Amino acid sequence: MKKQHTIRGIVFLLTLVALVFAAIVPQTNVLAQDADLVRLTINNKSGRDIWYRLDAKEFDRHDYYYFHIPAGEARYYTPARGVYEYILYACGINVKGELDLSTHKVINVPECGMKSHYGPQDQENIEDVGDQLRLVDVTLVNDSGRYMKLILEGPSVFVFQLFAEEEKEYTIPMGYYEVTMYGCGGTHHLTFYARFHKVKEFTCP
């Protein structure tokens, strides 16, 4: 009888150890998964709703995220750790760039056309997209005497059409642009820097 109790005790202990081990292994997996996630905070002070898309840059990954942040709100996310290419739609324009999410990151989206007022911006984990969204008024003038189509590629991408002797004012992000001009009997390439009240005249080469 005593031997049977001993055997039963051993079986009970083995069963208990198996149950404890089974409980530990999934928890270990959860912790490992959590270690591959990173905190991302997006503060939207632009005054308008914004949309933020992330696409994993590594070829062997297929992670992508699409976030909507209402005006005046801050949202918190936990995407997978890694390097992403992003597209931000804010203030009526799309801007693109690269985001390193190897550590937690805070993205500040200030009022359209302004710099952020969240305090020091020189910390590695804080990004201010105010420079990308700094909008300026530029005037494009067609002095070629012919219809032309312009493609501007820089902080954002734009396609404009100007009839002969026409001039138009546009609001675009400040910065350098590569311009492809279709007109004057061919395709031509040039650059210009968009700044406040810039007037850019286009003529046939």
C-alpha atoms as a PDB file:
ATOM      1  CA  MET A   1       0.000   0.000   0.000  1.00  0.00           C
ATOM      2  CA  LYS A   2       2.799   2.345   0.921  1.00  0.00           C
ATOM      3  CA  LYS A   3       4.448   1.598  -2.438  1.00  0.00           C
ATOM      4  CA  GLN A   4       1.275   2.558  -4.300  1.00  0.00           C
ATOM      5  CA  HIS A   5       1.123   5.879  -2.447  1.00  0.00           C
ATOM      6  CA  THR A   6       4.747   6.524  -3.385  1.00  0.00           C
ATOM      7  CA  ILE A   7       4.064   5.824  -7.070  1.00  0.00           C
ATOM      8  CA  ARG A   8       1.002   8.044  -6.989  1.00  0.00           C
ATOM      9  CA  GLY A   9       3.043  10.792  -5.394  1.00  0.00           C
ATOM     10  CA  ILE A  10       5.699  10.552  -8.083  1.00  0.00           C
ATOM     11  CA  VAL A  11       3.062  10.640 -10.844  1.00  0.00           C
ATOM     12  CA  PHE A  12       1.443  13.669  -9.222  1.00  0.00           C
ATOM     13  CA  LEU A  13       4.768  15.512  -9.021  1.00  0.00           C
ATOM     14  CA  LEU A  14       5.604  14.716 -12.655  1.00  0.00           C
ATOM     15  CA  THR A  15       2.169  15.947 -13.750  1.00  0.00           C
ATOM     16  CA  LEU A  16       2.622  19.125 -11.724  1.00  0.00           C
ATOM     17  CA  VAL A  17       6.054  19.782 -13.269  1.00  0.00           C
ATOM     18  CA  ALA A  18       4.613  19.224 -16.763  1.00  0.00           C
ATOM     19  CA  LEU A  19       1.806  21.710 -16.114  1.00  0.00           C
ATOM     20  CA  VAL A  20       4.211  24.328 -14.760  1.00  0.00           C
ATOM     21  CA  PHE A  21       6.523  23.875 -17.771  1.00  0.00           C
ATOM     22  CA  ALA A  22       3.594  24.183 -20.174  1.00  0.00           C
ATOM     23  CA  ALA A  23       2.595  27.438 -18.529  1.00  0.00           C
ATOM     24  CA  ILE A  24       6.122  28.864 -18.651  1.00  0.00           C
ATOM     25  CA  VAL A  25       6.857  28.142 -22.322  1.00  0.00           C
ATOM     26  CA  PRO A  26       3.960  30.183 -23.813  1.00  0.00           C
ATOM     27  CA  GLN A  27       4.769  33.046 -21.457  1.00  0.00           C
ATOM     28  CA  THR A  28       8.378  32.953 -22.655  1.00  0.00           C
ATOM     29  CA  ASN A  29       7.153  33.136 -26.254  1.00  0.00           C
ATOM     30  CA  VAL A  30       4.950  36.127 -25.417  1.00  0.00           C
ATOM     31  CA  LEU A  31       7.876  37.908 -23.817  1.00  0.00           C
ATOM     32  CA  ALA A  32      10.019  37.206 -26.877  1.00  0.00           C
ATOM     33  CA  GLN A  33       7.309  38.603 -29.136  1.00  0.00           C
ATOM     34  CA  ASP A  34       6.946  41.707 -26.965  1.00  0.00           C
ATOM     35  CA  ALA A  35      10.707  42.254 -27.186  1.00  0.00           C
ATOM     36  CA  ASP A  36      10.332  42.597 -30.981  1.00  0.00           C
ATOM     37  CA  LEU A  37       7.783  45.398 -30.627  1.00  0.00           C
ATOM     38  CA  VAL A  38       8.576  49.080 -30.156  1.00  0.00           C
ATOM     39  CA  ARG A  39       6.515  52.010 -28.914  1.00  0.00           C
ATOM     40  CA  LEU A  40       5.550  54.690 -31.434  1.00  0.00           C
ATOM     41  CA  THR A  41       3.816  57.909 -30.370  1.00  0.00           C
ATOM     42  CA  ILE A  42       2.302  60.312 -32.917  1.00  0.00           C
ATOM     43  CA  ASN A  43       1.213  63.742 -31.680  1.00  0.00           C
ATOM     44  CA  ASN A  44      -1.103  65.467 -34.154  1.00  0.00           C
ATOM     45  CA  LYS A  45      -1.296  69.225 -33.563  1.00  0.00           C
ATOM     46  CA  SER A  46      -1.749  70.098 -37.246  1.00  0.00           C
ATOM     47  CA  GLY A  47      -5.389  71.049 -36.826  1.00  0.00           C
ATOM     48  CA  ARG A  48      -6.450  68.402 -39.359  1.00  0.00           C
ATOM     49  CA  ASP A  49      -6.707  64.622 -39.453  1.00  0.00           C
ATOM     50  CA  ILE A  50      -3.522  62.923 -40.659  1.00  0.00           C
ATOM     51  CA  TRP A  51      -2.669  59.483 -42.032  1.00  0.00           C
ATOM     52  CA  TYR A  52       0.640  57.709 -41.530  1.00  0.00           C
ATOM     53  CA  ARG A  53       1.721  54.590 -43.431  1.00  0.00           C
ATOM     54  CA  LEU A  54       4.747  52.424 -42.592  1.00  0.00           C
ATOM     55  CA  ASP A  55       6.295  49.827 -44.920  1.00  0.00           C
ATOM     56  CA  ALA A  56       9.133  47.571 -43.766  1.00  0.00           C
ATOM     57  CA  LYS A  57      12.305  48.316 -45.719  1.00  0.00           C
ATOM     58  CA  GLU A  58      13.811  44.839 -45.434  1.00  0.00           C
ATOM     59  CA  PHE A  59      13.070  42.643 -48.467  1.00  0.00           C
ATOM     60  CA  ASP A  60      12.325  39.565 -46.345  1.00  0.00           C
ATOM     61  CA  ARG A  61       9.646  41.318 -44.287  1.00  0.00           C
ATOM     62  CA  HIS A  62       6.094  42.208 -45.162  1.00  0.00           C
ATOM     63  CA  ASP A  63       5.177  44.390 -42.197  1.00  0.00           C
ATOM     64  CA  TYR A  64       3.115  47.452 -42.976  1.00  0.00           C
ATOM     65  CA  TYR A  65       0.881  49.678 -40.898  1.00  0.00           C
ATOM     66  CA  TYR A  66      -1.676  52.358 -41.651  1.00  0.00           C
ATOM     67  CA  PHE A  67      -2.542  54.818 -38.888  1.00  0.00           C
ATOM     68  CA  HIS A  68      -5.214  57.501 -38.718  1.00  0.00           C
ATOM     69  CA  ILE A  69      -4.693  60.214 -36.111  1.00  0.00           C
ATOM     70  CA  PRO A  70      -7.571  62.688 -35.637  1.00  0.00           C
ATOM     71  CA  ALA A  71      -6.834  66.391 -35.263  1.00  0.00           C
ATOM     72  CA  GLY A  72      -5.588  67.391 -31.826  1.00  0.00           C
ATOM     73  CA  GLU A  73      -5.003  63.844 -30.601  1.00  0.00           C
ATOM     74  CA  ALA A  74      -2.017  61.684 -29.676  1.00  0.00           C
ATOM     75  CA  ARG A  75      -2.040  58.000 -30.534  1.00  0.00           C
ATOM     76  CA  TYR A  76       0.204  55.193 -29.299  1.00  0.00           C
ATOM     77  CA  TYR A  77       1.188  52.121 -31.317  1.00  0.00           C
ATOM     78  CA  THR A  78       3.486  49.096 -30.984  1.00  0.00           C
ATOM     79  CA  PRO A  79       4.737  48.107 -34.452  1.00  0.00           C
ATOM     80  CA  ALA A  80       7.467  45.541 -35.040  1.00  0.00           C
ATOM     81  CA  ARG A  81      11.003  46.768 -34.486  1.00  0.00           C
ATOM     82  CA  GLY A  82      12.883  47.712 -37.685  1.00  0.00           C
ATOM     83  CA  VAL A  83      13.497  50.316 -40.387  1.00  0.00           C
ATOM     84  CA  TYR A  84      10.507  51.583 -42.355  1.00  0.00           C
ATOM     85  CA  GLU A  85       9.713  53.816 -45.278  1.00  0.00           C
ATOM     86  CA  TYR A  86       6.835  56.102 -44.442  1.00  0.00           C
ATOM     87  CA  ILE A  87       4.251  58.198 -46.236  1.00  0.00           C
ATOM     88  CA  LEU A  88       2.653  60.959 -44.193  1.00  0.00           C
ATOM     89  CA  TYR A  89      -0.461  62.704 -45.452  1.00  0.00           C
ATOM     90  CA  ALA A  90      -0.926  65.948 -43.550  1.00  0.00           C
ATOM     91  CA  CYS A  91      -1.806  69.563 -44.301  1.00  0.00           C
ATOM     92  CA  GLY A  92      -3.110  68.541 -47.722  1.00  0.00           C
ATOM     93  CA  ILE A  93       0.144  67.019 -48.986  1.00  0.00           C
ATOM     94  CA  ASN A  94       2.050  63.730 -48.981  1.00  0.00           C
ATOM     95  CA  VAL A  95       5.624  63.576 -47.688  1.00  0.00           C
ATOM     96  CA  LYS A  96       7.909  60.555 -47.703  1.00  0.00           C
ATOM     97  CA  GLY A  97      10.912  59.481 -45.690  1.00  0.00           C
ATOM     98  CA  GLU A  98      12.616  56.784 -43.642  1.00  0.00           C
ATOM     99  CA  LEU A  99      11.901  55.967 -40.005  1.00  0.00           C
ATOM    100  CA  ASP A 100      14.232  53.930 -37.791  1.00  0.00           C
ATOM    101  CA  LEU A 101      12.168  52.112 -35.182  1.00  0.00           C
ATOM    102  CA  SER A 102      15.015  50.231 -33.548  1.00  0.00           C
ATOM    103  CA  THR A 103      14.047  52.143 -30.384  1.00  0.00           C
ATOM    104  CA  HIS A 104      10.893  53.948 -29.267  1.00  0.00           C
ATOM    105  CA  LYS A 105      10.028  57.050 -31.273  1.00  0.00           C
ATOM    106  CA  VAL A 106       7.906  60.164 -30.817  1.00  0.00           C
ATOM    107  CA  ILE A 107       6.687  61.941 -33.953  1.00  0.00           C
ATOM    108  CA  ASN A 108       5.432  65.496 -33.555  1.00  0.00           C
ATOM    109  CA  VAL A 109       3.190  66.917 -36.269  1.00  0.00           C
ATOM    110  CA  PRO A 110       2.845  70.654 -35.564  1.00  0.00           C
ATOM    111  CA  GLU A 111       0.373  73.167 -36.929  1.00  0.00           C
ATOM    112  CA  CYS A 112       0.547  73.304 -40.728  1.00  0.00           C
ATOM    113  CA  GLY A 113       3.412  75.525 -41.865  1.00  0.00           C
ATOM    114  CA  MET A 114       4.916  75.802 -38.372  1.00  0.00           C
ATOM    115  CA  LYS A 115       7.725  74.251 -36.362  1.00  0.00           C
ATOM    116  CA  SER A 116       6.960  72.073 -33.356  1.00  0.00           C
ATOM    117  CA  HIS A 117       6.595  73.608 -29.900  1.00  0.00           C
ATOM    118  CA  TYR A 118       6.912  70.396 -27.927  1.00  0.00           C
ATOM    119  CA  GLY A 119      10.249  71.412 -26.420  1.00  0.00           C
ATOM    120  CA  PRO A 120      13.775  70.196 -27.301  1.00  0.00           C
ATOM    121  CA  GLN A 121      13.849  68.361 -30.624  1.00  0.00           C
ATOM    122  CA  ASP A 122      17.492  67.258 -30.561  1.00  0.00           C
ATOM    123  CA  GLN A 123      16.793  63.912 -28.918  1.00  0.00           C
ATOM    124  CA  GLU A 124      17.265  60.903 -31.171  1.00  0.00           C
ATOM    125  CA  ASN A 125      13.878  59.440 -30.312  1.00  0.00           C
ATOM    126  CA  ILE A 126      11.936  62.636 -31.171  1.00  0.00           C
ATOM    127  CA  GLU A 127      11.162  63.643 -34.756  1.00  0.00           C
ATOM    128  CA  ASP A 128       9.576  66.917 -35.792  1.00  0.00           C
ATOM    129  CA  VAL A 129       8.035  66.812 -39.276  1.00  0.00           C
ATOM    130  CA  GLY A 130       7.441  70.566 -39.212  1.00  0.00           C
ATOM    131  CA  ASP A 131      10.274  71.159 -41.702  1.00  0.00           C
ATOM    132  CA  GLN A 132       8.729  68.738 -44.181  1.00  0.00           C
ATOM    133  CA  LEU A 133       5.323  70.361 -43.798  1.00  0.00           C
ATOM    134  CA  ARG A 134       6.606  73.936 -43.902  1.00  0.00           C
ATOM    135  CA  LEU A 135       4.478  75.308 -46.703  1.00  0.00           C
ATOM    136  CA  VAL A 136       5.449  78.279 -48.866  1.00  0.00           C
ATOM    137  CA  ASP A 137       3.749  80.234 -51.636  1.00  0.00           C
ATOM    138  CA  VAL A 138       5.498  80.053 -55.001  1.00  0.00           C
ATOM    139  CA  THR A 139       4.515  81.531 -58.356  1.00  0.00           C
ATOM    140  CA  LEU A 140       5.232  79.572 -61.537  1.00  0.00           C
ATOM    141  CA  VAL A 141       5.324  81.580 -64.751  1.00  0.00           C
ATOM    142  CA  ASN A 142       5.204  80.131 -68.271  1.00  0.00           C
ATOM    143  CA  ASP A 143       7.216  82.525 -70.476  1.00  0.00           C
ATOM    144  CA  SER A 144       7.775  79.968 -73.239  1.00  0.00           C
ATOM    145  CA  GLY A 145       4.865  81.050 -75.391  1.00  0.00           C
ATOM    146  CA  ARG A 146       3.666  77.423 -75.428  1.00  0.00           C
ATOM    147  CA  TYR A 147       1.731  75.016 -73.255  1.00  0.00           C
ATOM    148  CA  MET A 148       3.900  73.080 -70.783  1.00  0.00           C
ATOM    149  CA  LYS A 149       3.560  70.368 -68.169  1.00  0.00           C
ATOM    150  CA  LEU A 150       5.768  70.403 -65.060  1.00  0.00           C
ATOM    151  CA  ILE A 151       6.567  67.548 -62.694  1.00  0.00           C
ATOM    152  CA  LEU A 152       8.185  68.651 -59.426  1.00  0.00           C
ATOM    153  CA  GLU A 153       9.929  66.033 -57.270  1.00  0.00           C
ATOM    154  CA  GLY A 154      11.289  67.013 -53.880  1.00  0.00           C
ATOM    155  CA  PRO A 155       9.803  67.027 -50.377  1.00  0.00           C
ATOM    156  CA  SER A 156       6.622  66.020 -52.191  1.00  0.00           C
ATOM    157  CA  VAL A 157       5.614  65.354 -55.809  1.00  0.00           C
ATOM    158  CA  PHE A 158       3.431  67.683 -57.868  1.00  0.00           C
ATOM    159  CA  VAL A 159       2.199  67.856 -61.451  1.00  0.00           C
ATOM    160  CA  PHE A 160       1.284  71.291 -62.831  1.00  0.00           C
ATOM    161  CA  GLN A 161       0.064  72.483 -66.224  1.00  0.00           C
ATOM    162  CA  LEU A 162       0.577  76.000 -67.523  1.00  0.00           C
ATOM    163  CA  PHE A 163      -0.774  77.476 -70.717  1.00  0.00           C
ATOM    164  CA  ALA A 164       1.236  79.978 -72.760  1.00  0.00           C
ATOM    165  CA  GLU A 165       1.996  83.184 -70.811  1.00  0.00           C
ATOM    166  CA  GLU A 166       0.085  81.856 -67.801  1.00  0.00           C
ATOM    167  CA  GLU A 167       1.221  82.234 -64.209  1.00  0.00           C
ATOM    168  CA  LYS A 168      -0.173  80.433 -61.178  1.00  0.00           C
ATOM    169  CA  GLU A 169       0.445  80.539 -57.460  1.00  0.00           C
ATOM    170  CA  TYR A 170       0.815  77.276 -55.554  1.00  0.00           C
ATOM    171  CA  THR A 171       1.399  76.313 -51.927  1.00  0.00           C
ATOM    172  CA  ILE A 172       4.039  73.587 -51.606  1.00  0.00           C
ATOM    173  CA  PRO A 173       6.578  72.411 -48.984  1.00  0.00           C
ATOM    174  CA  MET A 174       9.787  74.407 -48.783  1.00  0.00           C
ATOM    175  CA  GLY A 175      12.885  72.749 -50.258  1.00  0.00           C
ATOM    176  CA  TYR A 176      14.758  71.699 -53.401  1.00  0.00           C
ATOM    177  CA  TYR A 177      12.871  70.251 -56.360  1.00  0.00           C
ATOM    178  CA  GLU A 178      13.949  68.395 -59.460  1.00  0.00           C
ATOM    179  CA  VAL A 179      11.752  69.668 -62.288  1.00  0.00           C
ATOM    180  CA  THR A 180      10.894  67.774 -65.458  1.00  0.00           C
ATOM    181  CA  MET A 181       9.453  70.161 -68.040  1.00  0.00           C
ATOM    182  CA  TYR A 182       7.485  68.818 -70.990  1.00  0.00           C
ATOM    183  CA  GLY A 183       7.239  71.564 -73.583  1.00  0.00           C
ATOM    184  CA  CYS A 184       9.205  73.593 -76.099  1.00  0.00           C
ATOM    185  CA  GLY A 185       9.293  70.557 -78.369  1.00  0.00           C
ATOM    186  CA  GLY A 186      10.950  68.188 -75.891  1.00  0.00           C
ATOM    187  CA  THR A 187      11.703  67.160 -72.321  1.00  0.00           C
ATOM    188  CA  HIS A 188      13.953  69.327 -70.167  1.00  0.00           C
ATOM    189  CA  HIS A 189      15.329  69.018 -66.623  1.00  0.00           C
ATOM    190  CA  LEU A 190      16.181  71.719 -64.104  1.00  0.00           C
ATOM    191  CA  THR A 191      16.109  72.418 -60.368  1.00  0.00           C
ATOM    192  CA  PHE A 192      14.839  75.186 -58.137  1.00  0.00           C
ATOM    193  CA  TYR A 193      14.513  75.933 -54.454  1.00  0.00           C
ATOM    194  CA  ALA A 194      11.020  76.704 -53.202  1.00  0.00           C
ATOM    195  CA  ARG A 195      10.992  79.447 -50.575  1.00  0.00           C
ATOM    196  CA  PHE A 196       8.531  82.080 -49.441  1.00  0.00           C
ATOM    197  CA  HIS A 197       7.180  84.205 -52.338  1.00  0.00           C
ATOM    198  CA  LYS A 198       9.489  82.536 -54.849  1.00  0.00           C
ATOM    199  CA  VAL A 199       8.737  83.425 -58.505  1.00  0.00           C
ATOM    200  CA  LYS A 200      10.037  80.846 -60.989  1.00  0.00           C
ATOM    201  CA  GLU A 201       9.912  81.651 -64.698  1.00  0.00           C
ATOM    202  CA  PHE A 202      10.061  78.869 -67.287  1.00  0.00           C
ATOM    203  CA  THR A 203      11.327  79.582 -70.794  1.00  0.00           C
ATOM    204  CA  CYS A 204      12.423  77.431 -73.707  1.00  0.00           C
ATOM    205  CA  PRO A 205      16.118  76.466 -73.480  1.00  0.00           C
END
